Amino acid sequence: MKAFVEDFGVTIRQLREDRGWSQEELAERSDLNRSYVGEVERGRVIPSIVTAQKLATALGINMVGLLMRCEQLEQSRLARRINLAAIAC
């Protein structure tokens, strides 16, 4: 569960940075507090589904697309672990 929360935060940060936005700009666009957006990006809080929807909408992506990006990040992280384990053997 912790890894997913962290992946969600990384995904939000990547999407925000891709748009050239500050945390403050994303917070304004999603009607959230800037410090809360920072906590989401660092994976320190578990956002509600309503908050996730606000972030997705502000970033111009639907929830399915947002969750798919999280899943892709998780799969990439898993593949790296497998490769490292293979090298270690």
PDB file of N, CA and C in Angstrom:
ATOM      1  N   MET A   1       0.829  -1.197   0.000  1.00  0.00           N
ATOM      2  CA  MET A   1       0.000   0.000   0.000  1.00  0.00           C
ATOM      3  C   MET A   1       0.866   1.251   0.000  1.00  0.00           C
ATOM      4  N   LYS A   2       1.919   1.256   0.808  1.00  0.00           N
ATOM      5  CA  LYS A   2       2.794   2.424   0.899  1.00  0.00           C
ATOM      6  C   LYS A   2       3.418   2.749  -0.450  1.00  0.00           C
ATOM      7  N   ALA A   3       3.831   1.712  -1.184  1.00  0.00           N
ATOM      8  CA  ALA A   3       4.449   1.931  -2.492  1.00  0.00           C
ATOM      9  C   ALA A   3       3.456   2.597  -3.445  1.00  0.00           C
ATOM     10  N   PHE A   4       2.197   2.194  -3.412  1.00  0.00           N
ATOM     11  CA  PHE A   4       1.207   2.807  -4.292  1.00  0.00           C
ATOM     12  C   PHE A   4       1.018   4.278  -3.952  1.00  0.00           C
ATOM     13  N   VAL A   5       0.960   4.603  -2.676  1.00  0.00           N
ATOM     14  CA  VAL A   5       0.793   6.000  -2.256  1.00  0.00           C
ATOM     15  C   VAL A   5       1.980   6.823  -2.732  1.00  0.00           C
ATOM     16  N   GLU A   6       3.186   6.252  -2.621  1.00  0.00           N
ATOM     17  CA  GLU A   6       4.380   6.951  -3.103  1.00  0.00           C
ATOM     18  C   GLU A   6       4.346   7.095  -4.625  1.00  0.00           C
ATOM     19  N   ASP A   7       3.941   6.037  -5.335  1.00  0.00           N
ATOM     20  CA  ASP A   7       3.840   6.103  -6.796  1.00  0.00           C
ATOM     21  C   ASP A   7       2.807   7.143  -7.228  1.00  0.00           C
ATOM     22  N   PHE A   8       1.712   7.228  -6.492  1.00  0.00           N
ATOM     23  CA  PHE A   8       0.696   8.230  -6.796  1.00  0.00           C
ATOM     24  C   PHE A   8       1.301   9.625  -6.683  1.00  0.00           C
ATOM     25  N   GLY A   9       2.024   9.857  -5.611  1.00  0.00           N
ATOM     26  CA  GLY A   9       2.654  11.161  -5.406  1.00  0.00           C
ATOM     27  C   GLY A   9       3.674  11.493  -6.482  1.00  0.00           C
ATOM     28  N   VAL A  10       4.497  10.519  -6.845  1.00  0.00           N
ATOM     29  CA  VAL A  10       5.492  10.727  -7.901  1.00  0.00           C
ATOM     30  C   VAL A  10       4.787  11.049  -9.214  1.00  0.00           C
ATOM     31  N   THR A  11       3.714  10.349  -9.495  1.00  0.00           N
ATOM     32  CA  THR A  11       2.955  10.583 -10.723  1.00  0.00           C
ATOM     33  C   THR A  11       2.385  11.999 -10.745  1.00  0.00           C
ATOM     34  N   ILE A  12       1.825  12.429  -9.641  1.00  0.00           N
ATOM     35  CA  ILE A  12       1.272  13.790  -9.559  1.00  0.00           C
ATOM     36  C   ILE A  12       2.385  14.805  -9.793  1.00  0.00           C
ATOM     37  N   ARG A  13       3.522  14.603  -9.142  1.00  0.00           N
ATOM     38  CA  ARG A  13       4.651  15.535  -9.306  1.00  0.00           C
ATOM     39  C   ARG A  13       5.132  15.575 -10.764  1.00  0.00           C
ATOM     40  N   GLN A  14       5.269  14.390 -11.386  1.00  0.00           N
ATOM     41  CA  GLN A  14       5.713  14.350 -12.781  1.00  0.00           C
ATOM     42  C   GLN A  14       4.746  15.086 -13.699  1.00  0.00           C
ATOM     43  N   LEU A  15       3.455  14.848 -13.524  1.00  0.00           N
ATOM     44  CA  LEU A  15       2.453  15.522 -14.356  1.00  0.00           C
ATOM     45  C   LEU A  15       2.483  17.031 -14.142  1.00  0.00           C
ATOM     46  N   ARG A  16       2.639  17.438 -12.892  1.00  0.00           N
ATOM     47  CA  ARG A  16       2.701  18.874 -12.572  1.00  0.00           C
ATOM     48  C   ARG A  16       3.932  19.506 -13.219  1.00  0.00           C
ATOM     49  N   GLU A  17       5.076  18.840 -13.057  1.00  0.00           N
ATOM     50  CA  GLU A  17       6.317  19.380 -13.615  1.00  0.00           C
ATOM     51  C   GLU A  17       6.287  19.387 -15.141  1.00  0.00           C
ATOM     52  N   ASP A  18       5.645  18.374 -15.741  1.00  0.00           N
ATOM     53  CA  ASP A  18       5.501  18.352 -17.203  1.00  0.00           C
ATOM     54  C   ASP A  18       4.772  19.593 -17.716  1.00  0.00           C
ATOM     55  N   ARG A  19       3.894  20.128 -16.891  1.00  0.00           N
ATOM     56  CA  ARG A  19       3.128  21.310 -17.276  1.00  0.00           C
ATOM     57  C   ARG A  19       3.823  22.600 -16.888  1.00  0.00           C
ATOM     58  N   GLY A  20       4.952  22.476 -16.176  1.00  0.00           N
ATOM     59  CA  GLY A  20       5.696  23.661 -15.755  1.00  0.00           C
ATOM     60  C   GLY A  20       5.032  24.416 -14.621  1.00  0.00           C
ATOM     61  N   TRP A  21       4.211  23.711 -13.846  1.00  0.00           N
ATOM     62  CA  TRP A  21       3.483  24.348 -12.753  1.00  0.00           C
ATOM     63  C   TRP A  21       4.224  24.188 -11.431  1.00  0.00           C
ATOM     64  N   SER A  22       4.040  25.156 -10.562  1.00  0.00           N
ATOM     65  CA  SER A  22       4.490  25.043  -9.181  1.00  0.00           C
ATOM     66  C   SER A  22       3.439  24.259  -8.399  1.00  0.00           C
ATOM     67  N   GLN A  23       3.803  23.847  -7.195  1.00  0.00           N
ATOM     68  CA  GLN A  23       2.806  23.204  -6.331  1.00  0.00           C
ATOM     69  C   GLN A  23       1.664  24.170  -6.050  1.00  0.00           C
ATOM     70  N   GLU A  24       2.000  25.426  -5.896  1.00  0.00           N
ATOM     71  CA  GLU A  24       0.972  26.423  -5.612  1.00  0.00           C
ATOM     72  C   GLU A  24      -0.024  26.527  -6.767  1.00  0.00           C
ATOM     73  N   GLU A  25       0.465  26.489  -7.999  1.00  0.00           N
ATOM     74  CA  GLU A  25      -0.442  26.564  -9.141  1.00  0.00           C
ATOM     75  C   GLU A  25      -1.352  25.345  -9.208  1.00  0.00           C
ATOM     76  N   LEU A  26      -0.784  24.153  -8.983  1.00  0.00           N
ATOM     77  CA  LEU A  26      -1.617  22.953  -8.971  1.00  0.00           C
ATOM     78  C   LEU A  26      -2.644  23.028  -7.848  1.00  0.00           C
ATOM     79  N   ALA A  27      -2.217  23.501  -6.690  1.00  0.00           N
ATOM     80  CA  ALA A  27      -3.139  23.628  -5.562  1.00  0.00           C
ATOM     81  C   ALA A  27      -4.304  24.555  -5.904  1.00  0.00           C
ATOM     82  N   GLU A  28      -4.007  25.682  -6.514  1.00  0.00           N
ATOM     83  CA  GLU A  28      -5.071  26.623  -6.896  1.00  0.00           C
ATOM     84  C   GLU A  28      -6.017  25.995  -7.913  1.00  0.00           C
ATOM     85  N   ARG A  29      -5.450  25.312  -8.906  1.00  0.00           N
ATOM     86  CA  ARG A  29      -6.275  24.721  -9.962  1.00  0.00           C
ATOM     87  C   ARG A  29      -7.141  23.566  -9.440  1.00  0.00           C
ATOM     88  N   SER A  30      -6.678  22.913  -8.373  1.00  0.00           N
ATOM     89  CA  SER A  30      -7.413  21.771  -7.835  1.00  0.00           C
ATOM     90  C   SER A  30      -8.185  22.107  -6.558  1.00  0.00           C
ATOM     91  N   ASP A  31      -8.138  23.380  -6.158  1.00  0.00           N
ATOM     92  CA  ASP A  31      -8.836  23.839  -4.954  1.00  0.00           C
ATOM     93  C   ASP A  31      -8.365  23.084  -3.708  1.00  0.00           C
ATOM     94  N   LEU A  32      -7.033  22.940  -3.608  1.00  0.00           N
ATOM     95  CA  LEU A  32      -6.415  22.283  -2.454  1.00  0.00           C
ATOM     96  C   LEU A  32      -5.370  23.214  -1.849  1.00  0.00           C
ATOM     97  N   ASN A  33      -4.941  22.901  -0.657  1.00  0.00           N
ATOM     98  CA  ASN A  33      -3.885  23.645   0.014  1.00  0.00           C
ATOM     99  C   ASN A  33      -2.526  23.249  -0.560  1.00  0.00           C
ATOM    100  N   ARG A  34      -1.639  24.215  -0.773  1.00  0.00           N
ATOM    101  CA  ARG A  34      -0.334  23.935  -1.347  1.00  0.00           C
ATOM    102  C   ARG A  34       0.465  22.938  -0.513  1.00  0.00           C
ATOM    103  N   SER A  35       0.442  23.082   0.785  1.00  0.00           N
ATOM    104  CA  SER A  35       1.207  22.157   1.625  1.00  0.00           C
ATOM    105  C   SER A  35       0.642  20.738   1.538  1.00  0.00           C
ATOM    106  N   TYR A  36      -0.664  20.627   1.347  1.00  0.00           N
ATOM    107  CA  TYR A  36      -1.276  19.302   1.188  1.00  0.00           C
ATOM    108  C   TYR A  36      -0.831  18.671  -0.125  1.00  0.00           C
ATOM    109  N   VAL A  37      -0.769  19.451  -1.194  1.00  0.00           N
ATOM    110  CA  VAL A  37      -0.271  18.940  -2.480  1.00  0.00           C
ATOM    111  C   VAL A  37       1.155  18.424  -2.304  1.00  0.00           C
ATOM    112  N   GLY A  38       1.970  19.145  -1.557  1.00  0.00           N
ATOM    113  CA  GLY A  38       3.341  18.696  -1.286  1.00  0.00           C
ATOM    114  C   GLY A  38       3.370  17.375  -0.537  1.00  0.00           C
ATOM    115  N   GLU A  39       2.476  17.220   0.423  1.00  0.00           N
ATOM    116  CA  GLU A  39       2.397  15.974   1.181  1.00  0.00           C
ATOM    117  C   GLU A  39       1.966  14.815   0.271  1.00  0.00           C
ATOM    118  N   VAL A  40       1.030  15.077  -0.633  1.00  0.00           N
ATOM    119  CA  VAL A  40       0.606  14.058  -1.599  1.00  0.00           C
ATOM    120  C   VAL A  40       1.794  13.657  -2.461  1.00  0.00           C
ATOM    121  N   GLU A  41       2.515  14.645  -2.987  1.00  0.00           N
ATOM    122  CA  GLU A  41       3.641  14.367  -3.867  1.00  0.00           C
ATOM    123  C   GLU A  41       4.747  13.575  -3.169  1.00  0.00           C
ATOM    124  N   ARG A  42       4.917  13.786  -1.887  1.00  0.00           N
ATOM    125  CA  ARG A  42       5.945  13.052  -1.124  1.00  0.00           C
ATOM    126  C   ARG A  42       5.445  11.695  -0.632  1.00  0.00           C
ATOM    127  N   GLY A  43       4.170  11.385  -0.888  1.00  0.00           N
ATOM    128  CA  GLY A  43       3.614  10.104  -0.461  1.00  0.00           C
ATOM    129  C   GLY A  43       3.397  10.002   1.026  1.00  0.00           C
ATOM    130  N   ARG A  44       3.194  11.135   1.669  1.00  0.00           N
ATOM    131  CA  ARG A  44       3.026  11.151   3.124  1.00  0.00           C
ATOM    132  C   ARG A  44       1.576  11.113   3.570  1.00  0.00           C
ATOM    133  N   VAL A  45       0.659  11.328   2.633  1.00  0.00           N
ATOM    134  CA  VAL A  45      -0.773  11.262   2.941  1.00  0.00           C
ATOM    135  C   VAL A  45      -1.452  10.389   1.904  1.00  0.00           C
ATOM    136  N   ILE A  46      -2.560   9.825   2.291  1.00  0.00           N
ATOM    137  CA  ILE A  46      -3.371   9.030   1.364  1.00  0.00           C
ATOM    138  C   ILE A  46      -4.551   9.905   0.970  1.00  0.00           C
ATOM    139  N   PRO A  47      -4.529  10.416  -0.259  1.00  0.00           N
ATOM    140  CA  PRO A  47      -5.618  11.301  -0.668  1.00  0.00           C
ATOM    141  C   PRO A  47      -6.917  10.534  -0.852  1.00  0.00           C
ATOM    142  N   SER A  48      -8.010  11.200  -0.561  1.00  0.00           N
ATOM    143  CA  SER A  48      -9.324  10.594  -0.805  1.00  0.00           C
ATOM    144  C   SER A  48      -9.547  10.497  -2.306  1.00  0.00           C
ATOM    145  N   ILE A  49     -10.544   9.733  -2.678  1.00  0.00           N
ATOM    146  CA  ILE A  49     -10.872   9.607  -4.095  1.00  0.00           C
ATOM    147  C   ILE A  49     -11.337  10.950  -4.657  1.00  0.00           C
ATOM    148  N   VAL A  50     -11.968  11.763  -3.840  1.00  0.00           N
ATOM    149  CA  VAL A  50     -12.408  13.090  -4.268  1.00  0.00           C
ATOM    150  C   VAL A  50     -11.189  13.973  -4.544  1.00  0.00           C
ATOM    151  N   THR A  51     -10.197  13.902  -3.663  1.00  0.00           N
ATOM    152  CA  THR A  51      -8.973  14.670  -3.854  1.00  0.00           C
ATOM    153  C   THR A  51      -8.225  14.194  -5.095  1.00  0.00           C
ATOM    154  N   ALA A  52      -8.159  12.894  -5.291  1.00  0.00           N
ATOM    155  CA  ALA A  52      -7.510  12.350  -6.486  1.00  0.00           C
ATOM    156  C   ALA A  52      -8.211  12.856  -7.742  1.00  0.00           C
ATOM    157  N   GLN A  53      -9.524  12.915  -7.717  1.00  0.00           N
ATOM    158  CA  GLN A  53     -10.288  13.418  -8.864  1.00  0.00           C
ATOM    159  C   GLN A  53     -10.009  14.897  -9.099  1.00  0.00           C
ATOM    160  N   LYS A  54      -9.926  15.679  -8.025  1.00  0.00           N
ATOM    161  CA  LYS A  54      -9.603  17.107  -8.158  1.00  0.00           C
ATOM    162  C   LYS A  54      -8.240  17.287  -8.818  1.00  0.00           C
ATOM    163  N   LEU A  55      -7.267  16.497  -8.378  1.00  0.00           N
ATOM    164  CA  LEU A  55      -5.926  16.595  -8.950  1.00  0.00           C
ATOM    165  C   LEU A  55      -5.926  16.176 -10.417  1.00  0.00           C
ATOM    166  N   ALA A  56      -6.587  15.075 -10.708  1.00  0.00           N
ATOM    167  CA  ALA A  56      -6.656  14.591 -12.091  1.00  0.00           C
ATOM    168  C   ALA A  56      -7.291  15.631 -12.998  1.00  0.00           C
ATOM    169  N   THR A  57      -8.406  16.190 -12.568  1.00  0.00           N
ATOM    170  CA  THR A  57      -9.112  17.188 -13.366  1.00  0.00           C
ATOM    171  C   THR A  57      -8.228  18.411 -13.597  1.00  0.00           C
ATOM    172  N   ALA A  58      -7.587  18.877 -12.543  1.00  0.00           N
ATOM    173  CA  ALA A  58      -6.705  20.037 -12.669  1.00  0.00           C
ATOM    174  C   ALA A  58      -5.565  19.763 -13.654  1.00  0.00           C
ATOM    175  N   LEU A  59      -5.076  18.527 -13.657  1.00  0.00           N
ATOM    176  CA  LEU A  59      -3.970  18.153 -14.534  1.00  0.00           C
ATOM    177  C   LEU A  59      -4.434  17.781 -15.942  1.00  0.00           C
ATOM    178  N   GLY A  60      -5.729  17.778 -16.152  1.00  0.00           N
ATOM    179  CA  GLY A  60      -6.274  17.495 -17.473  1.00  0.00           C
ATOM    180  C   GLY A  60      -6.186  16.038 -17.875  1.00  0.00           C
ATOM    181  N   ILE A  61      -6.292  15.164 -16.888  1.00  0.00           N
ATOM    182  CA  ILE A  61      -6.234  13.721 -17.132  1.00  0.00           C
ATOM    183  C   ILE A  61      -7.407  13.078 -16.406  1.00  0.00           C
ATOM    184  N   ASN A  62      -7.934  11.991 -16.945  1.00  0.00           N
ATOM    185  CA  ASN A  62      -9.030  11.330 -16.234  1.00  0.00           C
ATOM    186  C   ASN A  62      -8.451  10.380 -15.181  1.00  0.00           C
ATOM    187  N   MET A  63      -9.297   9.925 -14.296  1.00  0.00           N
ATOM    188  CA  MET A  63      -8.837   9.067 -13.191  1.00  0.00           C
ATOM    189  C   MET A  63      -8.212   7.775 -13.712  1.00  0.00           C
ATOM    190  N   VAL A  64      -8.790   7.203 -14.752  1.00  0.00           N
ATOM    191  CA  VAL A  64      -8.234   5.970 -15.308  1.00  0.00           C
ATOM    192  C   VAL A  64      -6.815   6.215 -15.798  1.00  0.00           C
ATOM    193  N   GLY A  65      -6.617   7.308 -16.515  1.00  0.00           N
ATOM    194  CA  GLY A  65      -5.283   7.644 -17.006  1.00  0.00           C
ATOM    195  C   GLY A  65      -4.301   7.877 -15.874  1.00  0.00           C
ATOM    196  N   LEU A  66      -4.754   8.550 -14.826  1.00  0.00           N
ATOM    197  CA  LEU A  66      -3.901   8.812 -13.676  1.00  0.00           C
ATOM    198  C   LEU A  66      -3.488   7.501 -13.001  1.00  0.00           C
ATOM    199  N   LEU A  67      -4.447   6.621 -12.781  1.00  0.00           N
ATOM    200  CA  LEU A  67      -4.151   5.348 -12.130  1.00  0.00           C
ATOM    201  C   LEU A  67      -3.289   4.446 -13.017  1.00  0.00           C
ATOM    202  N   MET A  68      -3.492   4.531 -14.333  1.00  0.00           N
ATOM    203  CA  MET A  68      -2.652   3.757 -15.246  1.00  0.00           C
ATOM    204  C   MET A  68      -1.197   4.215 -15.166  1.00  0.00           C
ATOM    205  N   ARG A  69      -0.988   5.520 -15.037  1.00  0.00           N
ATOM    206  CA  ARG A  69       0.379   6.039 -14.901  1.00  0.00           C
ATOM    207  C   ARG A  69       1.007   5.539 -13.600  1.00  0.00           C
ATOM    208  N   CYS A  70       0.219   5.482 -12.531  1.00  0.00           N
ATOM    209  CA  CYS A  70       0.717   4.942 -11.261  1.00  0.00           C
ATOM    210  C   CYS A  70       1.112   3.480 -11.435  1.00  0.00           C
ATOM    211  N   GLU A  71       0.272   2.719 -12.120  1.00  0.00           N
ATOM    212  CA  GLU A  71       0.543   1.299 -12.364  1.00  0.00           C
ATOM    213  C   GLU A  71       1.804   1.121 -13.202  1.00  0.00           C
ATOM    214  N   GLN A  72       1.992   1.961 -14.216  1.00  0.00           N
ATOM    215  CA  GLN A  72       3.194   1.882 -15.055  1.00  0.00           C
ATOM    216  C   GLN A  72       4.444   2.153 -14.227  1.00  0.00           C
ATOM    217  N   LEU A  73       4.368   3.111 -13.328  1.00  0.00           N
ATOM    218  CA  LEU A  73       5.493   3.422 -12.459  1.00  0.00           C
ATOM    219  C   LEU A  73       5.807   2.237 -11.554  1.00  0.00           C
ATOM    220  N   GLU A  74       4.770   1.619 -11.005  1.00  0.00           N
ATOM    221  CA  GLU A  74       4.951   0.449 -10.149  1.00  0.00           C
ATOM    222  C   GLU A  74       5.591  -0.700 -10.935  1.00  0.00           C
ATOM    223  N   GLN A  75       5.114  -0.942 -12.149  1.00  0.00           N
ATOM    224  CA  GLN A  75       5.672  -2.021 -12.980  1.00  0.00           C
ATOM    225  C   GLN A  75       7.135  -1.749 -13.311  1.00  0.00           C
ATOM    226  N   SER A  76       7.452  -0.506 -13.589  1.00  0.00           N
ATOM    227  CA  SER A  76       8.834  -0.127 -13.878  1.00  0.00           C
ATOM    228  C   SER A  76       9.726  -0.379 -12.663  1.00  0.00           C
ATOM    229  N   ARG A  77       9.222  -0.024 -11.495  1.00  0.00           N
ATOM    230  CA  ARG A  77       9.976  -0.234 -10.252  1.00  0.00           C
ATOM    231  C   ARG A  77      10.174  -1.735 -10.002  1.00  0.00           C
ATOM    232  N   LEU A  78       9.149  -2.533 -10.252  1.00  0.00           N
ATOM    233  CA  LEU A  78       9.238  -3.983 -10.081  1.00  0.00           C
ATOM    234  C   LEU A  78      10.253  -4.577 -11.047  1.00  0.00           C
ATOM    235  N   ALA A  79      10.235  -4.133 -12.294  1.00  0.00           N
ATOM    236  CA  ALA A  79      11.181  -4.637 -13.299  1.00  0.00           C
ATOM    237  C   ALA A  79      12.619  -4.324 -12.884  1.00  0.00           C
ATOM    238  N   ARG A  80      12.856  -3.139 -12.335  1.00  0.00           N
ATOM    239  CA  ARG A  80      14.201  -2.788 -11.864  1.00  0.00           C
ATOM    240  C   ARG A  80      14.642  -3.710 -10.734  1.00  0.00           C
ATOM    241  N   ARG A  81      13.714  -4.019  -9.814  1.00  0.00           N
ATOM    242  CA  ARG A  81      14.056  -4.927  -8.706  1.00  0.00           C
ATOM    243  C   ARG A  81      14.407  -6.313  -9.230  1.00  0.00           C
ATOM    244  N   ILE A  82      13.653  -6.797 -10.206  1.00  0.00           N
ATOM    245  CA  ILE A  82      13.917  -8.119 -10.791  1.00  0.00           C
ATOM    246  C   ILE A  82      15.286  -8.126 -11.459  1.00  0.00           C
ATOM    247  N   ASN A  83      15.586  -7.068 -12.213  1.00  0.00           N
ATOM    248  CA  ASN A  83      16.888  -6.982 -12.874  1.00  0.00           C
ATOM    249  C   ASN A  83      18.020  -6.930 -11.872  1.00  0.00           C
ATOM    250  N   LEU A  84      17.843  -6.196 -10.791  1.00  0.00           N
ATOM    251  CA  LEU A  84      18.889  -6.125  -9.760  1.00  0.00           C
ATOM    252  C   LEU A  84      19.065  -7.487  -9.080  1.00  0.00           C
ATOM    253  N   ALA A  85      17.959  -8.182  -8.854  1.00  0.00           N
ATOM    254  CA  ALA A  85      18.041  -9.490  -8.227  1.00  0.00           C
ATOM    255  C   ALA A  85      18.763 -10.485  -9.155  1.00  0.00           C
ATOM    256  N   ALA A  86      18.508 -10.378 -10.445  1.00  0.00           N
ATOM    257  CA  ALA A  86      19.165 -11.262 -11.415  1.00  0.00           C
ATOM    258  C   ALA A  86      20.653 -10.989 -11.468  1.00  0.00           C
ATOM    259  N   ILE A  87      21.031  -9.740 -11.364  1.00  0.00           N
ATOM    260  CA  ILE A  87      22.450  -9.374 -11.388  1.00  0.00           C
ATOM    261  C   ILE A  87      23.137  -9.903 -10.135  1.00  0.00           C
ATOM    262  N   ALA A  88      22.445  -9.842  -9.005  1.00  0.00           N
ATOM    263  CA  ALA A  88      23.021 -10.261  -7.726  1.00  0.00           C
ATOM    264  C   ALA A  88      23.242 -11.765  -7.666  1.00  0.00           C
ATOM    265  N   CYS A  89      22.522 -12.528  -8.471  1.00  0.00           N
ATOM    266  CA  CYS A  89      22.636 -13.985  -8.429  1.00  0.00           C
ATOM    267  C   CYS A  89      23.822 -14.454  -9.132  1.00  0.00           C
TER     268      CYS A  89
END
